[in-house]
Amino acid sequence: MYLFGHSLHTDSRSLSKPRIRASSVEETSSSFEVTEIITDLKEKWDSLENKSAVFLYGGGAVVGLWLSSVVVGAINSLPLSSRKELATDIEEWKKKISGSDE
């Protein structure tokens, strides 16, 4: 006798290995959406005339993100007292550059 995909036998083998299988309609619809997105991206890529500019902008964005992470990491590695000194030094430089030396 079966109840919800489980055998009602008292055999220890059947109790240790439940046989439950769940499936969803969403799995097929999500795979359809992925293929639709991929085909849409392929069409847009093929319609581009200046593909080298896309690579140039993409590379620039990657370099910019890397550089910003390096700067944040360097500031983060400073002790707190050095950060305060750095902030005061930056404020002094800004005053010197702007010419509003007080």
PDB file of N, CA and C in Angstrom:
ATOM      1  N   MET A   1       0.838  -1.171   0.000  1.00  0.00           N
ATOM      2  CA  MET A   1       0.000   0.000   0.000  1.00  0.00           C
ATOM      3  C   MET A   1       0.892   1.247   0.000  1.00  0.00           C
ATOM      4  N   TYR A   2       0.534   2.255  -0.763  1.00  0.00           N
ATOM      5  CA  TYR A   2       1.318   3.473  -0.881  1.00  0.00           C
ATOM      6  C   TYR A   2       0.489   4.653  -0.412  1.00  0.00           C
ATOM      7  N   LEU A   3       1.168   5.563   0.266  1.00  0.00           N
ATOM      8  CA  LEU A   3       0.521   6.791   0.714  1.00  0.00           C
ATOM      9  C   LEU A   3       1.472   7.934   0.431  1.00  0.00           C
ATOM     10  N   PHE A   4       1.116   8.827  -0.483  1.00  0.00           N
ATOM     11  CA  PHE A   4       1.942   9.979  -0.862  1.00  0.00           C
ATOM     12  C   PHE A   4       3.322   9.559  -1.329  1.00  0.00           C
ATOM     13  N   GLY A   5       3.415   8.481  -2.073  1.00  0.00           N
ATOM     14  CA  GLY A   5       4.684   8.061  -2.638  1.00  0.00           C
ATOM     15  C   GLY A   5       5.545   7.253  -1.682  1.00  0.00           C
ATOM     16  N   HIS A   6       5.064   6.969  -0.475  1.00  0.00           N
ATOM     17  CA  HIS A   6       5.819   6.185   0.499  1.00  0.00           C
ATOM     18  C   HIS A   6       5.155   4.822   0.664  1.00  0.00           C
ATOM     19  N   SER A   7       5.976   3.821   0.820  1.00  0.00           N
ATOM     20  CA  SER A   7       5.462   2.490   1.066  1.00  0.00           C
ATOM     21  C   SER A   7       5.112   2.376   2.541  1.00  0.00           C
ATOM     22  N   LEU A   8       4.025   1.707   2.851  1.00  0.00           N
ATOM     23  CA  LEU A   8       3.618   1.540   4.241  1.00  0.00           C
ATOM     24  C   LEU A   8       4.131   0.231   4.831  1.00  0.00           C
ATOM     25  N   HIS A   9       5.055  -0.435   4.160  1.00  0.00           N
ATOM     26  CA  HIS A   9       5.650  -1.655   4.696  1.00  0.00           C
ATOM     27  C   HIS A   9       6.529  -1.296   5.876  1.00  0.00           C
ATOM     28  N   THR A  10       6.699  -2.215   6.795  1.00  0.00           N
ATOM     29  CA  THR A  10       7.545  -1.973   7.959  1.00  0.00           C
ATOM     30  C   THR A  10       8.989  -2.353   7.699  1.00  0.00           C
ATOM     31  N   ASP A  11       9.313  -2.677   6.473  1.00  0.00           N
ATOM     32  CA  ASP A  11      10.685  -3.033   6.115  1.00  0.00           C
ATOM     33  C   ASP A  11      11.592  -1.818   6.323  1.00  0.00           C
ATOM     34  N   SER A  12      12.748  -1.978   6.982  1.00  0.00           N
ATOM     35  CA  SER A  12      13.639  -0.857   7.296  1.00  0.00           C
ATOM     36  C   SER A  12      14.237  -0.243   6.037  1.00  0.00           C
ATOM     37  N   ARG A  13      14.394  -1.023   4.970  1.00  0.00           N
ATOM     38  CA  ARG A  13      14.965  -0.482   3.741  1.00  0.00           C
ATOM     39  C   ARG A  13      14.030   0.544   3.112  1.00  0.00           C
ATOM     40  N   SER A  14      12.755   0.301   3.144  1.00  0.00           N
ATOM     41  CA  SER A  14      11.825   1.241   2.521  1.00  0.00           C
ATOM     42  C   SER A  14      11.650   2.496   3.365  1.00  0.00           C
ATOM     43  N   LEU A  15      11.854   2.406   4.676  1.00  0.00           N
ATOM     44  CA  LEU A  15      11.731   3.584   5.521  1.00  0.00           C
ATOM     45  C   LEU A  15      12.954   4.487   5.420  1.00  0.00           C
ATOM     46  N   SER A  16      14.116   3.918   5.157  1.00  0.00           N
ATOM     47  CA  SER A  16      15.323   4.720   5.089  1.00  0.00           C
ATOM     48  C   SER A  16      15.470   5.448   3.769  1.00  0.00           C
ATOM     49  N   LYS A  17      14.788   5.004   2.730  1.00  0.00           N
ATOM     50  CA  LYS A  17      14.903   5.628   1.422  1.00  0.00           C
ATOM     51  C   LYS A  17      13.528   6.051   0.920  1.00  0.00           C
ATOM     52  N   PRO A  18      13.082   7.212   1.313  1.00  0.00           N
ATOM     53  CA  PRO A  18      11.771   7.656   0.826  1.00  0.00           C
ATOM     54  C   PRO A  18      11.824   7.950  -0.668  1.00  0.00           C
ATOM     55  N   ARG A  19      10.770   7.634  -1.338  1.00  0.00           N
ATOM     56  CA  ARG A  19      10.706   7.829  -2.781  1.00  0.00           C
ATOM     57  C   ARG A  19       9.741   8.964  -3.081  1.00  0.00           C
ATOM     58  N   ILE A  20      10.258  10.172  -2.974  1.00  0.00           N
ATOM     59  CA  ILE A  20       9.450  11.355  -3.227  1.00  0.00           C
ATOM     60  C   ILE A  20      10.030  12.072  -4.421  1.00  0.00           C
ATOM     61  N   ARG A  21       9.186  12.414  -5.344  1.00  0.00           N
ATOM     62  CA  ARG A  21       9.649  13.140  -6.523  1.00  0.00           C
ATOM     63  C   ARG A  21       8.725  14.321  -6.745  1.00  0.00           C
ATOM     64  N   ALA A  22       9.322  15.480  -6.784  1.00  0.00           N
ATOM     65  CA  ALA A  22       8.541  16.690  -7.021  1.00  0.00           C
ATOM     66  C   ALA A  22       8.968  17.293  -8.346  1.00  0.00           C
ATOM     67  N   SER A  23       8.022  17.744  -9.089  1.00  0.00           N
ATOM     68  CA  SER A  23       8.336  18.423 -10.338  1.00  0.00           C
ATOM     69  C   SER A  23       7.486  19.664 -10.424  1.00  0.00           C
ATOM     70  N   SER A  24       7.966  20.587 -11.213  1.00  0.00           N
ATOM     71  CA  SER A  24       7.281  21.864 -11.304  1.00  0.00           C
ATOM     72  C   SER A  24       7.179  22.292 -12.751  1.00  0.00           C
ATOM     73  N   VAL A  25       6.126  23.002 -13.053  1.00  0.00           N
ATOM     74  CA  VAL A  25       5.949  23.552 -14.388  1.00  0.00           C
ATOM     75  C   VAL A  25       6.873  24.746 -14.574  1.00  0.00           C
ATOM     76  N   GLU A  26       7.265  25.381 -13.468  1.00  0.00           N
ATOM     77  CA  GLU A  26       8.116  26.567 -13.538  1.00  0.00           C
ATOM     78  C   GLU A  26       9.495  26.250 -14.101  1.00  0.00           C
ATOM     79  N   GLU A  27       9.987  25.013 -13.915  1.00  0.00           N
ATOM     80  CA  GLU A  27      11.296  24.653 -14.430  1.00  0.00           C
ATOM     81  C   GLU A  27      11.337  24.810 -15.946  1.00  0.00           C
ATOM     82  N   THR A  28      10.317  24.357 -16.629  1.00  0.00           N
ATOM     83  CA  THR A  28      10.317  24.457 -18.083  1.00  0.00           C
ATOM     84  C   THR A  28      10.112  25.892 -18.526  1.00  0.00           C
ATOM     85  N   SER A  29       9.304  26.661 -17.802  1.00  0.00           N
ATOM     86  CA  SER A  29       9.095  28.047 -18.197  1.00  0.00           C
ATOM     87  C   SER A  29      10.344  28.891 -17.949  1.00  0.00           C
ATOM     88  N   SER A  30      11.098  28.589 -16.873  1.00  0.00           N
ATOM     89  CA  SER A  30      12.324  29.350 -16.621  1.00  0.00           C
ATOM     90  C   SER A  30      13.380  29.027 -17.665  1.00  0.00           C
ATOM     91  N   SER A  31      13.452  27.762 -18.106  1.00  0.00           N
ATOM     92  CA  SER A  31      14.420  27.427 -19.154  1.00  0.00           C
ATOM     93  C   SER A  31      14.017  28.077 -20.472  1.00  0.00           C
ATOM     94  N   PHE A  32      12.716  28.230 -20.709  1.00  0.00           N
ATOM     95  CA  PHE A  32      12.246  28.923 -21.903  1.00  0.00           C
ATOM     96  C   PHE A  32      12.635  30.390 -21.837  1.00  0.00           C
ATOM     97  N   GLU A  33      12.517  31.006 -20.658  1.00  0.00           N
ATOM     98  CA  GLU A  33      12.895  32.414 -20.506  1.00  0.00           C
ATOM     99  C   GLU A  33      14.391  32.599 -20.738  1.00  0.00           C
ATOM    100  N   VAL A  34      15.196  31.682 -20.270  1.00  0.00           N
ATOM    101  CA  VAL A  34      16.646  31.775 -20.445  1.00  0.00           C
ATOM    102  C   VAL A  34      16.997  31.691 -21.921  1.00  0.00           C
ATOM    103  N   THR A  35      16.412  30.754 -22.630  1.00  0.00           N
ATOM    104  CA  THR A  35      16.712  30.648 -24.057  1.00  0.00           C
ATOM    105  C   THR A  35      16.205  31.863 -24.813  1.00  0.00           C
ATOM    106  N   GLU A  36      15.079  32.405 -24.384  1.00  0.00           N
ATOM    107  CA  GLU A  36      14.549  33.617 -25.022  1.00  0.00           C
ATOM    108  C   GLU A  36      15.485  34.797 -24.798  1.00  0.00           C
ATOM    109  N   ILE A  37      16.016  34.921 -23.594  1.00  0.00           N
ATOM    110  CA  ILE A  37      16.949  36.003 -23.277  1.00  0.00           C
ATOM    111  C   ILE A  37      18.238  35.846 -24.086  1.00  0.00           C
ATOM    112  N   ILE A  38      18.718  34.612 -24.184  1.00  0.00           N
ATOM    113  CA  ILE A  38      19.965  34.372 -24.926  1.00  0.00           C
ATOM    114  C   ILE A  38      19.788  34.708 -26.402  1.00  0.00           C
ATOM    115  N   THR A  39      18.678  34.290 -26.988  1.00  0.00           N
ATOM    116  CA  THR A  39      18.462  34.609 -28.398  1.00  0.00           C
ATOM    117  C   THR A  39      18.302  36.106 -28.605  1.00  0.00           C
ATOM    118  N   ASP A  40      17.655  36.785 -27.654  1.00  0.00           N
ATOM    119  CA  ASP A  40      17.512  38.238 -27.746  1.00  0.00           C
ATOM    120  C   ASP A  40      18.868  38.931 -27.673  1.00  0.00           C
ATOM    121  N   LEU A  41      19.736  38.458 -26.768  1.00  0.00           N
ATOM    122  CA  LEU A  41      21.074  39.035 -26.660  1.00  0.00           C
ATOM    123  C   LEU A  41      21.902  38.776 -27.912  1.00  0.00           C
ATOM    124  N   LYS A  42      21.769  37.589 -28.500  1.00  0.00           N
ATOM    125  CA  LYS A  42      22.494  37.290 -29.733  1.00  0.00           C
ATOM    126  C   LYS A  42      22.064  38.215 -30.863  1.00  0.00           C
ATOM    127  N   GLU A  43      20.751  38.465 -30.957  1.00  0.00           N
ATOM    128  CA  GLU A  43      20.251  39.362 -31.999  1.00  0.00           C
ATOM    129  C   GLU A  43      20.783  40.776 -31.803  1.00  0.00           C
ATOM    130  N   LYS A  44      20.796  41.243 -30.553  1.00  0.00           N
ATOM    131  CA  LYS A  44      21.304  42.591 -30.289  1.00  0.00           C
ATOM    132  C   LYS A  44      22.802  42.679 -30.562  1.00  0.00           C
ATOM    133  N   TRP A  45      23.552  41.633 -30.217  1.00  0.00           N
ATOM    134  CA  TRP A  45      24.991  41.627 -30.462  1.00  0.00           C
ATOM    135  C   TRP A  45      25.281  41.653 -31.954  1.00  0.00           C
ATOM    136  N   ASP A  46      24.518  40.883 -32.715  1.00  0.00           N
ATOM    137  CA  ASP A  46      24.719  40.855 -34.161  1.00  0.00           C
ATOM    138  C   ASP A  46      24.355  42.180 -34.816  1.00  0.00           C
ATOM    139  N   SER A  47      23.437  42.931 -34.208  1.00  0.00           N
ATOM    140  CA  SER A  47      23.026  44.204 -34.800  1.00  0.00           C
ATOM    141  C   SER A  47      24.006  45.342 -34.493  1.00  0.00           C
ATOM    142  N   LEU A  48      24.923  45.129 -33.545  1.00  0.00           N
ATOM    143  CA  LEU A  48      25.904  46.165 -33.218  1.00  0.00           C
ATOM    144  C   LEU A  48      26.909  46.329 -34.354  1.00  0.00           C
ATOM    145  N   GLU A  49      27.238  47.570 -34.636  1.00  0.00           N
ATOM    146  CA  GLU A  49      28.226  47.834 -35.683  1.00  0.00           C
ATOM    147  C   GLU A  49      29.617  48.046 -35.101  1.00  0.00           C
ATOM    148  N   ASN A  50      29.703  48.654 -33.940  1.00  0.00           N
ATOM    149  CA  ASN A  50      30.989  49.000 -33.350  1.00  0.00           C
ATOM    150  C   ASN A  50      31.230  48.130 -32.114  1.00  0.00           C
ATOM    151  N   LYS A  51      31.579  46.869 -32.331  1.00  0.00           N
ATOM    152  CA  LYS A  51      31.779  45.928 -31.229  1.00  0.00           C
ATOM    153  C   LYS A  51      33.055  46.213 -30.443  1.00  0.00           C
ATOM    154  N   SER A  52      34.029  46.839 -31.077  1.00  0.00           N
ATOM    155  CA  SER A  52      35.266  47.154 -30.365  1.00  0.00           C
ATOM    156  C   SER A  52      35.019  48.191 -29.277  1.00  0.00           C
ATOM    157  N   ALA A  53      34.085  49.110 -29.492  1.00  0.00           N
ATOM    158  CA  ALA A  53      33.764  50.095 -28.462  1.00  0.00           C
ATOM    159  C   ALA A  53      33.139  49.433 -27.245  1.00  0.00           C
ATOM    160  N   VAL A  54      32.337  48.385 -27.466  1.00  0.00           N
ATOM    161  CA  VAL A  54      31.729  47.657 -26.347  1.00  0.00           C
ATOM    162  C   VAL A  54      32.820  47.011 -25.502  1.00  0.00           C
ATOM    163  N   PHE A  55      33.802  46.398 -26.168  1.00  0.00           N
ATOM    164  CA  PHE A  55      34.914  45.795 -25.427  1.00  0.00           C
ATOM    165  C   PHE A  55      35.735  46.853 -24.701  1.00  0.00           C
ATOM    166  N   LEU A  56      35.927  47.993 -25.338  1.00  0.00           N
ATOM    167  CA  LEU A  56      36.702  49.066 -24.726  1.00  0.00           C
ATOM    168  C   LEU A  56      36.003  49.604 -23.478  1.00  0.00           C
ATOM    169  N   TYR A  57      34.708  49.877 -23.586  1.00  0.00           N
ATOM    170  CA  TYR A  57      33.958  50.363 -22.423  1.00  0.00           C
ATOM    171  C   TYR A  57      33.871  49.305 -21.332  1.00  0.00           C
ATOM    172  N   GLY A  58      33.672  48.064 -21.731  1.00  0.00           N
ATOM    173  CA  GLY A  58      33.619  46.976 -20.745  1.00  0.00           C
ATOM    174  C   GLY A  58      34.943  46.804 -20.018  1.00  0.00           C
ATOM    175  N   GLY A  59      36.046  46.861 -20.778  1.00  0.00           N
ATOM    176  CA  GLY A  59      37.368  46.765 -20.155  1.00  0.00           C
ATOM    177  C   GLY A  59      37.643  47.937 -19.233  1.00  0.00           C
ATOM    178  N   GLY A  60      37.230  49.137 -19.655  1.00  0.00           N
ATOM    179  CA  GLY A  60      37.392  50.308 -18.798  1.00  0.00           C
ATOM    180  C   GLY A  60      36.604  50.191 -17.514  1.00  0.00           C
ATOM    181  N   ALA A  61      35.398  49.627 -17.605  1.00  0.00           N
ATOM    182  CA  ALA A  61      34.582  49.438 -16.405  1.00  0.00           C
ATOM    183  C   ALA A  61      35.223  48.439 -15.455  1.00  0.00           C
ATOM    184  N   VAL A  62      35.781  47.357 -15.996  1.00  0.00           N
ATOM    185  CA  VAL A  62      36.451  46.360 -15.157  1.00  0.00           C
ATOM    186  C   VAL A  62      37.673  46.964 -14.484  1.00  0.00           C
ATOM    187  N   VAL A  63      38.466  47.722 -15.219  1.00  0.00           N
ATOM    188  CA  VAL A  63      39.656  48.369 -14.642  1.00  0.00           C
ATOM    189  C   VAL A  63      39.241  49.373 -13.574  1.00  0.00           C
ATOM    190  N   GLY A  64      38.179  50.121 -13.825  1.00  0.00           N
ATOM    191  CA  GLY A  64      37.689  51.088 -12.836  1.00  0.00           C
ATOM    192  C   GLY A  64      37.229  50.415 -11.550  1.00  0.00           C
ATOM    193  N   LEU A  65      36.510  49.298 -11.679  1.00  0.00           N
ATOM    194  CA  LEU A  65      36.084  48.561 -10.486  1.00  0.00           C
ATOM    195  C   LEU A  65      37.271  48.000  -9.722  1.00  0.00           C
ATOM    196  N   TRP A  66      38.243  47.469 -10.458  1.00  0.00           N
ATOM    197  CA  TRP A  66      39.435  46.932  -9.804  1.00  0.00           C
ATOM    198  C   TRP A  66      40.196  48.031  -9.070  1.00  0.00           C
ATOM    199  N   LEU A  67      40.367  49.179  -9.726  1.00  0.00           N
ATOM    200  CA  LEU A  67      41.098  50.279  -9.115  1.00  0.00           C
ATOM    201  C   LEU A  67      40.383  50.798  -7.872  1.00  0.00           C
ATOM    202  N   SER A  68      39.063  50.901  -7.936  1.00  0.00           N
ATOM    203  CA  SER A  68      38.327  51.369  -6.760  1.00  0.00           C
ATOM    204  C   SER A  68      38.419  50.372  -5.615  1.00  0.00           C
ATOM    205  N   SER A  69      38.426  49.074  -5.924  1.00  0.00           N
ATOM    206  CA  SER A  69      38.565  48.089  -4.849  1.00  0.00           C
ATOM    207  C   SER A  69      39.957  48.143  -4.228  1.00  0.00           C
ATOM    208  N   VAL A  70      40.978  48.450  -5.036  1.00  0.00           N
ATOM    209  CA  VAL A  70      42.332  48.594  -4.502  1.00  0.00           C
ATOM    210  C   VAL A  70      42.416  49.797  -3.568  1.00  0.00           C
ATOM    211  N   VAL A  71      41.810  50.912  -3.973  1.00  0.00           N
ATOM    212  CA  VAL A  71      41.841  52.117  -3.141  1.00  0.00           C
ATOM    213  C   VAL A  71      41.092  51.890  -1.841  1.00  0.00           C
ATOM    214  N   VAL A  72      39.909  51.279  -1.919  1.00  0.00           N
ATOM    215  CA  VAL A  72      39.132  51.010  -0.704  1.00  0.00           C
ATOM    216  C   VAL A  72      39.874  50.042   0.199  1.00  0.00           C
ATOM    217  N   GLY A  73      40.507  49.045  -0.374  1.00  0.00           N
ATOM    218  CA  GLY A  73      41.281  48.106   0.436  1.00  0.00           C
ATOM    219  C   GLY A  73      42.464  48.772   1.115  1.00  0.00           C
ATOM    220  N   ALA A  74      43.129  49.697   0.416  1.00  0.00           N
ATOM    221  CA  ALA A  74      44.269  50.399   1.010  1.00  0.00           C
ATOM    222  C   ALA A  74      43.812  51.293   2.156  1.00  0.00           C
ATOM    223  N   ILE A  75      42.699  51.988   1.973  1.00  0.00           N
ATOM    224  CA  ILE A  75      42.190  52.852   3.050  1.00  0.00           C
ATOM    225  C   ILE A  75      41.700  52.005   4.208  1.00  0.00           C
ATOM    226  N   ASN A  76      41.094  50.865   3.901  1.00  0.00           N
ATOM    227  CA  ASN A  76      40.585  49.997   4.946  1.00  0.00           C
ATOM    228  C   ASN A  76      41.700  49.389   5.782  1.00  0.00           C
ATOM    229  N   SER A  77      42.883  49.228   5.213  1.00  0.00           N
ATOM    230  CA  SER A  77      43.985  48.628   5.953  1.00  0.00           C
ATOM    231  C   SER A  77      44.677  49.621   6.886  1.00  0.00           C
ATOM    232  N   LEU A  78      44.374  50.912   6.737  1.00  0.00           N
ATOM    233  CA  LEU A  78      44.968  51.915   7.621  1.00  0.00           C
ATOM    234  C   LEU A  78      44.335  51.855   9.006  1.00  0.00           C
ATOM    235  N   PRO A  79      45.133  52.047  10.041  1.00  0.00           N
ATOM    236  CA  PRO A  79      44.540  52.153  11.375  1.00  0.00           C
ATOM    237  C   PRO A  79      43.649  53.394  11.463  1.00  0.00           C
ATOM    238  N   LEU A  80      42.745  53.402  12.416  1.00  0.00           N
ATOM    239  CA  LEU A  80      41.763  54.472  12.515  1.00  0.00           C
ATOM    240  C   LEU A  80      42.415  55.832  12.728  1.00  0.00           C
ATOM    241  N   SER A  81      43.468  55.895  13.564  1.00  0.00           N
ATOM    242  CA  SER A  81      44.116  57.192  13.797  1.00  0.00           C
ATOM    243  C   SER A  81      44.766  57.718  12.522  1.00  0.00           C
ATOM    244  N   SER A  82      45.313  56.801  11.699  1.00  0.00           N
ATOM    245  CA  SER A  82      45.916  57.221  10.438  1.00  0.00           C
ATOM    246  C   SER A  82      44.859  57.695   9.462  1.00  0.00           C
ATOM    247  N   ARG A  83      43.668  57.148   9.563  1.00  0.00           N
ATOM    248  CA  ARG A  83      42.584  57.596   8.697  1.00  0.00           C
ATOM    249  C   ARG A  83      42.200  59.033   9.009  1.00  0.00           C
ATOM    250  N   LYS A  84      42.184  59.358  10.296  1.00  0.00           N
ATOM    251  CA  LYS A  84      41.855  60.739  10.684  1.00  0.00           C
ATOM    252  C   LYS A  84      42.928  61.693  10.186  1.00  0.00           C
ATOM    253  N   GLU A  85      44.194  61.290  10.308  1.00  0.00           N
ATOM    254  CA  GLU A  85      45.285  62.122   9.802  1.00  0.00           C
ATOM    255  C   GLU A  85      45.186  62.271   8.283  1.00  0.00           C
ATOM    256  N   LEU A  86      44.829  61.189   7.602  1.00  0.00           N
ATOM    257  CA  LEU A  86      44.662  61.243   6.154  1.00  0.00           C
ATOM    258  C   LEU A  86      43.536  62.211   5.781  1.00  0.00           C
ATOM    259  N   ALA A  87      42.447  62.172   6.519  1.00  0.00           N
ATOM    260  CA  ALA A  87      41.321  63.072   6.238  1.00  0.00           C
ATOM    261  C   ALA A  87      41.728  64.524   6.438  1.00  0.00           C
ATOM    262  N   THR A  88      42.490  64.814   7.494  1.00  0.00           N
ATOM    263  CA  THR A  88      42.927  66.194   7.707  1.00  0.00           C
ATOM    264  C   THR A  88      43.919  66.629   6.637  1.00  0.00           C
ATOM    265  N   ASP A  89      44.804  65.709   6.215  1.00  0.00           N
ATOM    266  CA  ASP A  89      45.737  66.019   5.128  1.00  0.00           C
ATOM    267  C   ASP A  89      44.989  66.313   3.830  1.00  0.00           C
ATOM    268  N   ILE A  90      43.965  65.544   3.547  1.00  0.00           N
ATOM    269  CA  ILE A  90      43.182  65.766   2.322  1.00  0.00           C
ATOM    270  C   ILE A  90      42.476  67.114   2.387  1.00  0.00           C
ATOM    271  N   GLU A  91      41.944  67.457   3.546  1.00  0.00           N
ATOM    272  CA  GLU A  91      41.282  68.754   3.688  1.00  0.00           C
ATOM    273  C   GLU A  91      42.281  69.898   3.490  1.00  0.00           C
ATOM    274  N   GLU A  92      43.498  69.729   4.016  1.00  0.00           N
ATOM    275  CA  GLU A  92      44.532  70.754   3.815  1.00  0.00           C
ATOM    276  C   GLU A  92      44.909  70.872   2.345  1.00  0.00           C
ATOM    277  N   TRP A  93      45.032  69.745   1.644  1.00  0.00           N
ATOM    278  CA  TRP A  93      45.353  69.775   0.216  1.00  0.00           C
ATOM    279  C   TRP A  93      44.254  70.454  -0.578  1.00  0.00           C
ATOM    280  N   LYS A  94      42.998  70.166  -0.213  1.00  0.00           N
ATOM    281  CA  LYS A  94      41.881  70.797  -0.915  1.00  0.00           C
ATOM    282  C   LYS A  94      41.904  72.309  -0.727  1.00  0.00           C
ATOM    283  N   LYS A  95      42.258  72.756   0.486  1.00  0.00           N
ATOM    284  CA  LYS A  95      42.339  74.197   0.738  1.00  0.00           C
ATOM    285  C   LYS A  95      43.480  74.825  -0.058  1.00  0.00           C
ATOM    286  N   LYS A  96      44.632  74.139  -0.129  1.00  0.00           N
ATOM    287  CA  LYS A  96      45.767  74.661  -0.893  1.00  0.00           C
ATOM    288  C   LYS A  96      45.453  74.730  -2.378  1.00  0.00           C
ATOM    289  N   ILE A  97      44.786  73.721  -2.876  1.00  0.00           N
ATOM    290  CA  ILE A  97      44.465  73.681  -4.310  1.00  0.00           C
ATOM    291  C   ILE A  97      43.434  74.738  -4.661  1.00  0.00           C
ATOM    292  N   SER A  98      42.416  74.879  -3.806  1.00  0.00           N
ATOM    293  CA  SER A  98      41.362  75.856  -4.114  1.00  0.00           C
ATOM    294  C   SER A  98      41.815  77.295  -3.844  1.00  0.00           C
ATOM    295  N   GLY A  99      42.886  77.444  -3.080  1.00  0.00           N
ATOM    296  CA  GLY A  99      43.414  78.779  -2.802  1.00  0.00           C
ATOM    297  C   GLY A  99      42.752  79.467  -1.633  1.00  0.00           C
ATOM    298  N   SER A 100      41.923  78.761  -0.908  1.00  0.00           N
ATOM    299  CA  SER A 100      41.283  79.367   0.259  1.00  0.00           C
ATOM    300  C   SER A 100      42.026  78.977   1.504  1.00  0.00           C
ATOM    301  N   ASP A 101      43.308  79.357   1.552  1.00  0.00           N
ATOM    302  CA  ASP A 101      44.173  79.050   2.687  1.00  0.00           C
ATOM    303  C   ASP A 101      43.830  79.966   3.847  1.00  0.00           C
ATOM    304  N   GLU A 102      43.354  79.400   4.909  1.00  0.00           N
ATOM    305  CA  GLU A 102      42.936  80.227   6.062  1.00  0.00           C
ATOM    306  C   GLU A 102      43.936  80.161   7.174  1.00  0.00           C
TER     307      GLU A 102
END
